Amino acid sequence: MPRINAATVADHRATQHAALLAAAMEILVADGPAALTPAAVGARVGLARSSVYRYFSSTADILAQLVEDAIPRWAERLAGATAGEAGPAARIRAFGEVTLSFVTHPDYALLRALTSVELPQECQNRLDQLHETLIAPLRDIVAEAGHERPDLVAHLGWAILGEAQRRLAAGADPEPTTSTTLAVLCRALLP
């Protein structure tokens, strides 16, 4: 029987799950998506591969849970950045700055990894819903600025930021890339 190192079995499972997610993120950042397997994650925390399957059904499930863990943190950062600014241009710039800063964060490895696996449809649907929470602050700003189609305009803005992220991740000079992107974003999104 495995040793329980917590007050309850539920606490033990929660602690193990958190340790497995942390190990998965470490592997992903250090070694890339090809190295992320249930066996590797288990080895990192001292669990047998079969025990890892109590928490994750597959590598895709590990990735989905990592993203599900990360998106609320980023959504909170985006909402917080835009809430502290006055005027739509300042709020759009704040949103853009936080979105572009994502490239320098270890969580950015999740985006690269997601392109390398096929997620089950229900996982993909859930991640699509979570993705919408990231865009919500921008959608709100665009709606308040008077656009008739704030959802479309916000998604176009997100695409602009996505291209800038790709360029930054590929080594583009951060200062001109960021300042140009934010200027284009404001011109594109404000009526």
N, C-alpha and C. Protein backbone atom coordinates (compact mmCIF):
# COMPACT_ATOMS: atom_id res chain seq x y z
N MET A 1 0.85 -1.18 0.00
CA MET A 1 0.00 0.00 0.00
C MET A 1 0.89 1.24 0.00
N PRO A 2 0.57 2.24 -0.87
CA PRO A 2 1.40 3.44 -0.93
C PRO A 2 1.29 4.25 0.37
N ARG A 3 2.37 4.96 0.66
CA ARG A 3 2.41 5.81 1.83
C ARG A 3 1.66 7.11 1.55
N ILE A 4 0.78 7.49 2.47
CA ILE A 4 0.04 8.74 2.35
C ILE A 4 0.75 9.79 3.20
N ASN A 5 1.16 10.88 2.58
CA ASN A 5 1.89 11.93 3.28
C ASN A 5 1.04 13.18 3.46
N ALA A 6 -0.21 13.00 3.85
CA ALA A 6 -1.11 14.13 4.05
C ALA A 6 -2.18 13.71 5.06
N ALA A 7 -2.95 14.68 5.51
CA ALA A 7 -3.98 14.42 6.51
C ALA A 7 -5.08 13.49 5.97
N THR A 8 -5.39 13.61 4.69
CA THR A 8 -6.43 12.78 4.08
C THR A 8 -5.94 12.26 2.74
N VAL A 9 -6.62 11.26 2.23
CA VAL A 9 -6.29 10.72 0.91
C VAL A 9 -6.50 11.80 -0.16
N ALA A 10 -7.56 12.58 -0.01
CA ALA A 10 -7.84 13.65 -0.98
C ALA A 10 -6.70 14.68 -0.98
N ASP A 11 -6.21 15.04 0.20
CA ASP A 11 -5.08 15.98 0.28
C ASP A 11 -3.83 15.38 -0.37
N HIS A 12 -3.61 14.10 -0.12
CA HIS A 12 -2.45 13.41 -0.71
C HIS A 12 -2.55 13.43 -2.24
N ARG A 13 -3.73 13.10 -2.76
CA ARG A 13 -3.92 13.10 -4.21
C ARG A 13 -3.73 14.49 -4.80
N ALA A 14 -4.23 15.51 -4.11
CA ALA A 14 -4.08 16.89 -4.60
C ALA A 14 -2.59 17.28 -4.63
N THR A 15 -1.87 16.90 -3.60
CA THR A 15 -0.44 17.20 -3.53
C THR A 15 0.32 16.46 -4.64
N GLN A 16 -0.01 15.19 -4.84
CA GLN A 16 0.62 14.40 -5.90
C GLN A 16 0.32 15.00 -7.27
N HIS A 17 -0.94 15.37 -7.47
CA HIS A 17 -1.34 15.95 -8.76
C HIS A 17 -0.55 17.23 -9.03
N ALA A 18 -0.45 18.09 -8.03
CA ALA A 18 0.31 19.34 -8.18
C ALA A 18 1.78 19.05 -8.48
N ALA A 19 2.35 18.05 -7.81
CA ALA A 19 3.75 17.70 -8.05
C ALA A 19 3.94 17.16 -9.47
N LEU A 20 2.99 16.37 -9.94
CA LEU A 20 3.06 15.84 -11.29
C LEU A 20 2.95 16.95 -12.33
N LEU A 21 2.05 17.90 -12.11
CA LEU A 21 1.93 19.03 -13.04
C LEU A 21 3.22 19.85 -13.06
N ALA A 22 3.80 20.10 -11.88
CA ALA A 22 5.05 20.86 -11.82
C ALA A 22 6.16 20.12 -12.55
N ALA A 23 6.24 18.81 -12.35
CA ALA A 23 7.26 18.01 -13.04
C ALA A 23 7.04 18.03 -14.54
N ALA A 24 5.79 17.94 -14.97
CA ALA A 24 5.48 17.98 -16.40
C ALA A 24 5.92 19.30 -17.01
N MET A 25 5.67 20.39 -16.30
CA MET A 25 6.06 21.70 -16.81
C MET A 25 7.58 21.82 -16.89
N GLU A 26 8.27 21.31 -15.88
CA GLU A 26 9.74 21.33 -15.90
C GLU A 26 10.27 20.57 -17.11
N ILE A 27 9.72 19.39 -17.36
CA ILE A 27 10.16 18.59 -18.51
C ILE A 27 9.87 19.33 -19.81
N LEU A 28 8.70 19.88 -19.92
CA LEU A 28 8.30 20.59 -21.14
C LEU A 28 9.23 21.76 -21.43
N VAL A 29 9.52 22.56 -20.42
CA VAL A 29 10.37 23.74 -20.60
C VAL A 29 11.82 23.33 -20.90
N ALA A 30 12.31 22.35 -20.15
CA ALA A 30 13.72 21.97 -20.29
C ALA A 30 14.00 21.11 -21.52
N ASP A 31 13.10 20.19 -21.83
CA ASP A 31 13.41 19.19 -22.84
C ASP A 31 12.47 19.18 -24.04
N GLY A 32 11.39 19.95 -24.00
CA GLY A 32 10.48 20.04 -25.12
C GLY A 32 9.37 19.01 -25.07
N PRO A 33 8.40 19.16 -25.96
CA PRO A 33 7.21 18.30 -25.94
C PRO A 33 7.49 16.82 -26.20
N ALA A 34 8.52 16.51 -26.97
CA ALA A 34 8.81 15.10 -27.27
C ALA A 34 9.21 14.33 -26.01
N ALA A 35 9.78 15.03 -25.03
CA ALA A 35 10.23 14.37 -23.80
C ALA A 35 9.11 14.20 -22.78
N LEU A 36 7.99 14.83 -23.02
CA LEU A 36 6.88 14.79 -22.06
C LEU A 36 6.06 13.52 -22.25
N THR A 37 6.25 12.59 -21.33
CA THR A 37 5.50 11.33 -21.33
C THR A 37 5.06 11.03 -19.91
N PRO A 38 4.03 10.22 -19.74
CA PRO A 38 3.65 9.83 -18.38
C PRO A 38 4.82 9.18 -17.62
N ALA A 39 5.61 8.38 -18.29
CA ALA A 39 6.75 7.73 -17.63
C ALA A 39 7.77 8.76 -17.15
N ALA A 40 8.07 9.74 -17.99
CA ALA A 40 9.04 10.77 -17.61
C ALA A 40 8.54 11.61 -16.45
N VAL A 41 7.27 11.94 -16.49
CA VAL A 41 6.68 12.73 -15.40
C VAL A 41 6.72 11.93 -14.10
N GLY A 42 6.36 10.67 -14.17
CA GLY A 42 6.40 9.82 -12.98
C GLY A 42 7.81 9.69 -12.42
N ALA A 43 8.78 9.48 -13.31
CA ALA A 43 10.16 9.35 -12.88
C ALA A 43 10.65 10.61 -12.17
N ARG A 44 10.19 11.76 -12.65
CA ARG A 44 10.63 13.03 -12.06
C ARG A 44 10.18 13.17 -10.62
N VAL A 45 9.02 12.59 -10.27
CA VAL A 45 8.51 12.71 -8.90
C VAL A 45 8.60 11.39 -8.11
N GLY A 46 9.17 10.37 -8.74
CA GLY A 46 9.34 9.12 -8.04
C GLY A 46 8.11 8.21 -8.01
N LEU A 47 7.27 8.33 -9.04
CA LEU A 47 6.09 7.47 -9.16
C LEU A 47 6.24 6.56 -10.37
N ALA A 48 5.70 5.38 -10.25
CA ALA A 48 5.68 4.47 -11.39
C ALA A 48 4.75 5.02 -12.46
N ARG A 49 5.04 4.70 -13.71
CA ARG A 49 4.20 5.15 -14.82
C ARG A 49 2.75 4.76 -14.61
N SER A 50 2.51 3.56 -14.12
CA SER A 50 1.13 3.12 -13.89
C SER A 50 0.41 4.00 -12.87
N SER A 51 1.14 4.53 -11.91
CA SER A 51 0.53 5.43 -10.92
C SER A 51 0.19 6.78 -11.54
N VAL A 52 0.98 7.21 -12.51
CA VAL A 52 0.72 8.49 -13.19
C VAL A 52 -0.62 8.44 -13.91
N TYR A 53 -0.99 7.25 -14.40
CA TYR A 53 -2.25 7.11 -15.14
C TYR A 53 -3.47 7.27 -14.22
N ARG A 54 -3.29 7.32 -12.93
CA ARG A 54 -4.40 7.65 -12.03
C ARG A 54 -4.76 9.14 -12.12
N TYR A 55 -3.81 9.93 -12.61
CA TYR A 55 -3.99 11.37 -12.69
C TYR A 55 -4.17 11.88 -14.12
N PHE A 56 -3.57 11.18 -15.08
CA PHE A 56 -3.61 11.60 -16.48
C PHE A 56 -3.85 10.39 -17.36
N SER A 57 -4.68 10.53 -18.36
CA SER A 57 -4.95 9.40 -19.26
C SER A 57 -3.93 9.27 -20.37
N SER A 58 -3.18 10.36 -20.66
CA SER A 58 -2.23 10.34 -21.78
C SER A 58 -1.36 11.59 -21.71
N THR A 59 -0.40 11.66 -22.62
CA THR A 59 0.42 12.87 -22.73
C THR A 59 -0.46 14.07 -23.10
N ALA A 60 -1.42 13.86 -23.99
CA ALA A 60 -2.33 14.95 -24.36
C ALA A 60 -3.11 15.44 -23.15
N ASP A 61 -3.51 14.53 -22.28
CA ASP A 61 -4.23 14.92 -21.07
C ASP A 61 -3.32 15.72 -20.14
N ILE A 62 -2.05 15.35 -20.05
CA ILE A 62 -1.10 16.14 -19.24
C ILE A 62 -1.05 17.56 -19.78
N LEU A 63 -0.89 17.69 -21.09
CA LEU A 63 -0.83 19.02 -21.70
C LEU A 63 -2.11 19.81 -21.46
N ALA A 64 -3.24 19.14 -21.65
CA ALA A 64 -4.52 19.82 -21.45
C ALA A 64 -4.66 20.31 -20.02
N GLN A 65 -4.23 19.51 -19.05
CA GLN A 65 -4.33 19.93 -17.66
C GLN A 65 -3.34 21.05 -17.34
N LEU A 66 -2.18 21.03 -17.96
CA LEU A 66 -1.24 22.14 -17.78
C LEU A 66 -1.82 23.45 -18.31
N VAL A 67 -2.45 23.37 -19.47
CA VAL A 67 -3.06 24.57 -20.05
C VAL A 67 -4.24 25.02 -19.20
N GLU A 68 -5.03 24.07 -18.76
CA GLU A 68 -6.18 24.40 -17.91
C GLU A 68 -5.72 25.07 -16.61
N ASP A 69 -4.55 24.71 -16.15
CA ASP A 69 -3.98 25.32 -14.96
C ASP A 69 -3.43 26.72 -15.26
N ALA A 70 -2.84 26.91 -16.44
CA ALA A 70 -2.18 28.17 -16.78
C ALA A 70 -3.13 29.26 -17.24
N ILE A 71 -4.14 28.92 -18.01
CA ILE A 71 -4.99 29.96 -18.61
C ILE A 71 -5.66 30.86 -17.58
N PRO A 72 -6.22 30.34 -16.50
CA PRO A 72 -6.83 31.25 -15.53
C PRO A 72 -5.84 32.27 -14.96
N ARG A 73 -4.58 31.87 -14.77
CA ARG A 73 -3.56 32.82 -14.28
C ARG A 73 -3.36 33.95 -15.28
N TRP A 74 -3.27 33.59 -16.56
CA TRP A 74 -3.05 34.60 -17.59
C TRP A 74 -4.30 35.45 -17.80
N ALA A 75 -5.47 34.85 -17.72
CA ALA A 75 -6.71 35.63 -17.85
C ALA A 75 -6.80 36.66 -16.72
N GLU A 76 -6.40 36.26 -15.53
CA GLU A 76 -6.42 37.19 -14.40
C GLU A 76 -5.42 38.33 -14.62
N ARG A 77 -4.24 38.00 -15.14
CA ARG A 77 -3.24 39.05 -15.43
C ARG A 77 -3.76 40.02 -16.47
N LEU A 78 -4.40 39.48 -17.53
CA LEU A 78 -4.92 40.35 -18.59
C LEU A 78 -6.04 41.25 -18.07
N ALA A 79 -6.95 40.68 -17.32
CA ALA A 79 -8.05 41.47 -16.76
C ALA A 79 -7.51 42.52 -15.79
N GLY A 80 -6.55 42.15 -14.98
CA GLY A 80 -5.96 43.10 -14.03
C GLY A 80 -5.23 44.24 -14.72
N ALA A 81 -4.52 43.94 -15.78
CA ALA A 81 -3.77 44.97 -16.50
C ALA A 81 -4.70 45.98 -17.15
N THR A 82 -5.81 45.50 -17.69
CA THR A 82 -6.71 46.43 -18.38
C THR A 82 -7.58 47.20 -17.39
N ALA A 83 -7.83 46.64 -16.22
CA ALA A 83 -8.69 47.30 -15.24
C ALA A 83 -8.02 48.54 -14.64
N GLY A 84 -6.70 48.54 -14.60
CA GLY A 84 -6.00 49.65 -13.97
C GLY A 84 -5.73 50.82 -14.88
N GLU A 85 -6.19 50.77 -16.10
CA GLU A 85 -5.90 51.83 -17.07
C GLU A 85 -7.15 52.63 -17.42
N ALA A 86 -6.94 53.90 -17.74
CA ALA A 86 -8.04 54.77 -18.16
C ALA A 86 -7.96 54.97 -19.66
N GLY A 87 -9.08 54.88 -20.32
CA GLY A 87 -9.16 55.09 -21.75
C GLY A 87 -8.87 53.83 -22.54
N PRO A 88 -9.55 53.68 -23.67
CA PRO A 88 -9.41 52.44 -24.45
C PRO A 88 -8.00 52.21 -25.00
N ALA A 89 -7.32 53.27 -25.44
CA ALA A 89 -5.98 53.07 -26.00
C ALA A 89 -5.02 52.54 -24.93
N ALA A 90 -5.07 53.10 -23.74
CA ALA A 90 -4.20 52.64 -22.65
C ALA A 90 -4.55 51.22 -22.25
N ARG A 91 -5.82 50.90 -22.25
CA ARG A 91 -6.23 49.54 -21.88
C ARG A 91 -5.80 48.53 -22.94
N ILE A 92 -5.92 48.89 -24.21
CA ILE A 92 -5.47 48.00 -25.29
C ILE A 92 -3.97 47.78 -25.20
N ARG A 93 -3.22 48.86 -24.95
CA ARG A 93 -1.76 48.73 -24.81
C ARG A 93 -1.40 47.82 -23.63
N ALA A 94 -2.09 47.99 -22.51
CA ALA A 94 -1.82 47.15 -21.33
C ALA A 94 -2.10 45.69 -21.65
N PHE A 95 -3.22 45.44 -22.32
CA PHE A 95 -3.56 44.07 -22.74
C PHE A 95 -2.47 43.51 -23.64
N GLY A 96 -2.04 44.31 -24.60
CA GLY A 96 -1.01 43.87 -25.54
C GLY A 96 0.32 43.59 -24.86
N GLU A 97 0.71 44.44 -23.94
CA GLU A 97 1.98 44.25 -23.23
C GLU A 97 1.99 42.93 -22.45
N VAL A 98 0.89 42.66 -21.74
CA VAL A 98 0.82 41.41 -20.98
C VAL A 98 0.81 40.22 -21.94
N THR A 99 0.07 40.31 -23.01
CA THR A 99 0.01 39.20 -23.98
C THR A 99 1.39 38.93 -24.56
N LEU A 100 2.12 39.97 -24.90
CA LEU A 100 3.46 39.78 -25.48
C LEU A 100 4.45 39.28 -24.44
N SER A 101 4.26 39.63 -23.18
CA SER A 101 5.17 39.17 -22.13
C SER A 101 5.07 37.66 -21.92
N PHE A 102 3.99 37.08 -22.37
CA PHE A 102 3.78 35.64 -22.26
C PHE A 102 4.93 34.86 -22.92
N VAL A 103 5.51 35.42 -23.98
CA VAL A 103 6.57 34.75 -24.73
C VAL A 103 7.78 34.46 -23.84
N THR A 104 8.05 35.31 -22.87
CA THR A 104 9.22 35.12 -22.02
C THR A 104 8.93 34.27 -20.78
N HIS A 105 7.71 33.80 -20.65
CA HIS A 105 7.31 33.01 -19.49
C HIS A 105 7.40 31.52 -19.82
N PRO A 106 7.75 30.68 -18.85
CA PRO A 106 7.80 29.24 -19.13
C PRO A 106 6.48 28.66 -19.67
N ASP A 107 5.34 29.26 -19.32
CA ASP A 107 4.05 28.77 -19.83
C ASP A 107 3.98 28.80 -21.35
N TYR A 108 4.81 29.63 -22.00
CA TYR A 108 4.76 29.71 -23.45
C TYR A 108 5.12 28.37 -24.11
N ALA A 109 5.88 27.55 -23.40
CA ALA A 109 6.21 26.22 -23.91
C ALA A 109 4.95 25.39 -24.16
N LEU A 110 3.88 25.71 -23.46
CA LEU A 110 2.62 24.99 -23.65
C LEU A 110 2.07 25.19 -25.05
N LEU A 111 2.19 26.41 -25.58
CA LEU A 111 1.68 26.66 -26.93
C LEU A 111 2.41 25.82 -27.96
N ARG A 112 3.72 25.77 -27.85
CA ARG A 112 4.50 24.96 -28.79
C ARG A 112 4.12 23.49 -28.65
N ALA A 113 3.93 23.05 -27.43
CA ALA A 113 3.61 21.64 -27.20
C ALA A 113 2.23 21.27 -27.74
N LEU A 114 1.28 22.18 -27.60
CA LEU A 114 -0.08 21.88 -28.07
C LEU A 114 -0.14 21.65 -29.57
N THR A 115 0.76 22.27 -30.30
CA THR A 115 0.77 22.06 -31.74
C THR A 115 1.34 20.70 -32.13
N SER A 116 1.97 20.02 -31.16
CA SER A 116 2.61 18.74 -31.48
C SER A 116 1.77 17.52 -31.12
N VAL A 117 0.61 17.73 -30.52
CA VAL A 117 -0.24 16.59 -30.15
C VAL A 117 -1.67 16.83 -30.63
N GLU A 118 -2.35 15.75 -30.84
CA GLU A 118 -3.78 15.85 -31.17
C GLU A 118 -4.57 15.61 -29.91
N LEU A 119 -5.31 16.61 -29.50
CA LEU A 119 -6.11 16.51 -28.28
C LEU A 119 -7.46 15.88 -28.58
N PRO A 120 -7.98 15.11 -27.64
CA PRO A 120 -9.35 14.62 -27.82
C PRO A 120 -10.30 15.81 -27.97
N GLN A 121 -11.37 15.63 -28.72
CA GLN A 121 -12.27 16.74 -29.03
C GLN A 121 -12.81 17.43 -27.78
N GLU A 122 -13.16 16.66 -26.75
CA GLU A 122 -13.69 17.31 -25.54
C GLU A 122 -12.64 18.17 -24.86
N CYS A 123 -11.37 17.74 -24.90
CA CYS A 123 -10.28 18.57 -24.37
C CYS A 123 -10.13 19.84 -25.20
N GLN A 124 -10.15 19.68 -26.51
CA GLN A 124 -10.01 20.84 -27.39
C GLN A 124 -11.15 21.82 -27.18
N ASN A 125 -12.36 21.32 -27.01
CA ASN A 125 -13.50 22.21 -26.76
C ASN A 125 -13.31 22.99 -25.46
N ARG A 126 -12.85 22.31 -24.41
CA ARG A 126 -12.62 22.97 -23.13
C ARG A 126 -11.53 24.03 -23.25
N LEU A 127 -10.46 23.71 -23.97
CA LEU A 127 -9.39 24.69 -24.14
C LEU A 127 -9.85 25.88 -24.97
N ASP A 128 -10.72 25.63 -25.94
CA ASP A 128 -11.29 26.73 -26.72
C ASP A 128 -12.10 27.66 -25.82
N GLN A 129 -12.86 27.08 -24.91
CA GLN A 129 -13.63 27.90 -23.95
C GLN A 129 -12.70 28.72 -23.08
N LEU A 130 -11.66 28.08 -22.58
CA LEU A 130 -10.70 28.80 -21.74
C LEU A 130 -9.99 29.89 -22.53
N HIS A 131 -9.68 29.61 -23.78
CA HIS A 131 -9.03 30.60 -24.64
C HIS A 131 -9.88 31.86 -24.75
N GLU A 132 -11.17 31.68 -24.82
CA GLU A 132 -12.08 32.83 -24.90
C GLU A 132 -11.97 33.72 -23.66
N THR A 133 -11.63 33.14 -22.51
CA THR A 133 -11.48 33.96 -21.31
C THR A 133 -10.27 34.88 -21.42
N LEU A 134 -9.28 34.48 -22.22
CA LEU A 134 -8.12 35.35 -22.44
C LEU A 134 -8.49 36.55 -23.29
N ILE A 135 -9.36 36.35 -24.25
CA ILE A 135 -9.74 37.41 -25.18
C ILE A 135 -10.81 38.33 -24.58
N ALA A 136 -11.52 37.88 -23.56
CA ALA A 136 -12.64 38.63 -23.00
C ALA A 136 -12.31 40.07 -22.63
N PRO A 137 -11.20 40.36 -21.96
CA PRO A 137 -10.93 41.77 -21.64
C PRO A 137 -10.78 42.65 -22.89
N LEU A 138 -10.16 42.11 -23.93
CA LEU A 138 -10.02 42.87 -25.17
C LEU A 138 -11.37 43.08 -25.82
N ARG A 139 -12.21 42.05 -25.81
CA ARG A 139 -13.56 42.15 -26.36
C ARG A 139 -14.34 43.26 -25.63
N ASP A 140 -14.20 43.31 -24.31
CA ASP A 140 -14.90 44.34 -23.53
C ASP A 140 -14.44 45.74 -23.90
N ILE A 141 -13.14 45.91 -24.07
CA ILE A 141 -12.60 47.23 -24.44
C ILE A 141 -13.14 47.65 -25.80
N VAL A 142 -13.12 46.74 -26.75
CA VAL A 142 -13.57 47.03 -28.11
C VAL A 142 -15.06 47.35 -28.11
N ALA A 143 -15.84 46.63 -27.32
CA ALA A 143 -17.28 46.90 -27.22
C ALA A 143 -17.52 48.29 -26.64
N GLU A 144 -16.79 48.62 -25.59
CA GLU A 144 -16.94 49.95 -24.97
C GLU A 144 -16.51 51.06 -25.91
N ALA A 145 -15.59 50.75 -26.84
CA ALA A 145 -15.13 51.75 -27.80
C ALA A 145 -16.15 51.96 -28.92
N GLY A 146 -17.19 51.10 -28.97
CA GLY A 146 -18.27 51.32 -29.91
C GLY A 146 -18.28 50.47 -31.16
N HIS A 147 -17.46 49.45 -31.23
CA HIS A 147 -17.48 48.57 -32.40
C HIS A 147 -18.78 47.77 -32.44
N GLU A 148 -19.31 47.60 -33.64
CA GLU A 148 -20.54 46.82 -33.82
C GLU A 148 -20.29 45.32 -33.66
N ARG A 149 -19.10 44.89 -33.98
CA ARG A 149 -18.75 43.47 -33.90
C ARG A 149 -17.52 43.28 -33.00
N PRO A 150 -17.69 43.48 -31.71
CA PRO A 150 -16.53 43.44 -30.81
C PRO A 150 -15.85 42.07 -30.77
N ASP A 151 -16.61 41.00 -30.92
CA ASP A 151 -15.99 39.67 -30.88
C ASP A 151 -15.03 39.48 -32.05
N LEU A 152 -15.47 39.83 -33.24
CA LEU A 152 -14.63 39.71 -34.44
C LEU A 152 -13.39 40.60 -34.30
N VAL A 153 -13.61 41.84 -33.92
CA VAL A 153 -12.49 42.79 -33.81
C VAL A 153 -11.49 42.32 -32.75
N ALA A 154 -11.98 41.82 -31.62
CA ALA A 154 -11.08 41.33 -30.57
C ALA A 154 -10.27 40.13 -31.07
N HIS A 155 -10.91 39.24 -31.82
CA HIS A 155 -10.17 38.09 -32.35
C HIS A 155 -9.13 38.53 -33.38
N LEU A 156 -9.44 39.54 -34.17
CA LEU A 156 -8.44 40.06 -35.10
C LEU A 156 -7.27 40.66 -34.33
N GLY A 157 -7.56 41.38 -33.25
CA GLY A 157 -6.49 41.92 -32.40
C GLY A 157 -5.64 40.81 -31.80
N TRP A 158 -6.30 39.74 -31.37
CA TRP A 158 -5.58 38.59 -30.82
C TRP A 158 -4.65 37.99 -31.87
N ALA A 159 -5.10 37.97 -33.13
CA ALA A 159 -4.26 37.44 -34.21
C ALA A 159 -3.02 38.31 -34.42
N ILE A 160 -3.19 39.62 -34.33
CA ILE A 160 -2.04 40.54 -34.44
C ILE A 160 -1.04 40.23 -33.33
N LEU A 161 -1.54 40.08 -32.12
CA LEU A 161 -0.66 39.78 -30.99
C LEU A 161 0.00 38.41 -31.15
N GLY A 162 -0.73 37.45 -31.70
CA GLY A 162 -0.18 36.13 -31.93
C GLY A 162 1.00 36.15 -32.90
N GLU A 163 0.86 36.95 -33.95
CA GLU A 163 1.98 37.07 -34.90
C GLU A 163 3.18 37.72 -34.24
N ALA A 164 2.95 38.74 -33.44
CA ALA A 164 4.06 39.37 -32.72
C ALA A 164 4.71 38.38 -31.75
N GLN A 165 3.91 37.58 -31.09
CA GLN A 165 4.47 36.56 -30.19
C GLN A 165 5.37 35.60 -30.97
N ARG A 166 4.91 35.14 -32.12
CA ARG A 166 5.71 34.22 -32.93
C ARG A 166 7.05 34.87 -33.31
N ARG A 167 7.00 36.13 -33.69
CA ARG A 167 8.24 36.83 -34.07
C ARG A 167 9.18 36.99 -32.88
N LEU A 168 8.61 37.35 -31.73
CA LEU A 168 9.44 37.49 -30.53
C LEU A 168 10.05 36.15 -30.14
N ALA A 169 9.27 35.09 -30.21
CA ALA A 169 9.77 33.76 -29.86
C ALA A 169 10.88 33.32 -30.83
N ALA A 170 10.83 33.80 -32.07
CA ALA A 170 11.84 33.45 -33.07
C ALA A 170 13.08 34.33 -32.97
N GLY A 171 13.07 35.30 -32.02
CA GLY A 171 14.27 36.11 -31.81
C GLY A 171 14.21 37.53 -32.30
N ALA A 172 13.03 38.01 -32.70
CA ALA A 172 12.92 39.41 -33.15
C ALA A 172 13.31 40.35 -32.02
N ASP A 173 13.83 41.51 -32.37
CA ASP A 173 14.20 42.53 -31.39
C ASP A 173 12.95 42.96 -30.62
N PRO A 174 12.93 42.78 -29.30
CA PRO A 174 11.71 43.04 -28.53
C PRO A 174 11.19 44.48 -28.59
N GLU A 175 12.09 45.46 -28.51
CA GLU A 175 11.62 46.85 -28.43
C GLU A 175 10.84 47.28 -29.67
N PRO A 176 11.43 47.21 -30.87
CA PRO A 176 10.64 47.66 -32.02
C PRO A 176 9.44 46.76 -32.31
N THR A 177 9.58 45.47 -32.06
CA THR A 177 8.47 44.56 -32.31
C THR A 177 7.30 44.89 -31.41
N THR A 178 7.58 45.10 -30.14
CA THR A 178 6.51 45.41 -29.18
C THR A 178 5.89 46.77 -29.47
N SER A 179 6.71 47.79 -29.64
CA SER A 179 6.14 49.13 -29.84
C SER A 179 5.35 49.21 -31.15
N THR A 180 5.85 48.60 -32.21
CA THR A 180 5.12 48.60 -33.49
C THR A 180 3.81 47.83 -33.36
N THR A 181 3.88 46.68 -32.71
CA THR A 181 2.68 45.86 -32.54
C THR A 181 1.61 46.61 -31.75
N LEU A 182 1.99 47.26 -30.68
CA LEU A 182 1.01 47.98 -29.85
C LEU A 182 0.42 49.16 -30.62
N ALA A 183 1.23 49.84 -31.42
CA ALA A 183 0.70 50.95 -32.22
C ALA A 183 -0.30 50.43 -33.26
N VAL A 184 0.06 49.35 -33.95
CA VAL A 184 -0.83 48.76 -34.95
C VAL A 184 -2.10 48.27 -34.28
N LEU A 185 -1.97 47.65 -33.13
CA LEU A 185 -3.13 47.12 -32.41
C LEU A 185 -4.11 48.23 -32.08
N CYS A 186 -3.61 49.35 -31.57
CA CYS A 186 -4.52 50.46 -31.24
C CYS A 186 -5.19 51.02 -32.48
N ARG A 187 -4.42 51.20 -33.56
CA ARG A 187 -5.03 51.72 -34.80
C ARG A 187 -6.06 50.76 -35.36
N ALA A 188 -5.80 49.47 -35.26
CA ALA A 188 -6.71 48.48 -35.82
C ALA A 188 -7.99 48.32 -35.00
N LEU A 189 -7.90 48.51 -33.69
CA LEU A 189 -9.03 48.19 -32.83
C LEU A 189 -9.88 49.38 -32.43
N LEU A 190 -9.33 50.57 -32.53
CA LEU A 190 -10.12 51.74 -32.12
C LEU A 190 -10.78 52.40 -33.32
N PRO A 191 -12.06 52.70 -33.17
CA PRO A 191 -12.79 53.30 -34.31
C PRO A 191 -12.29 54.71 -34.61
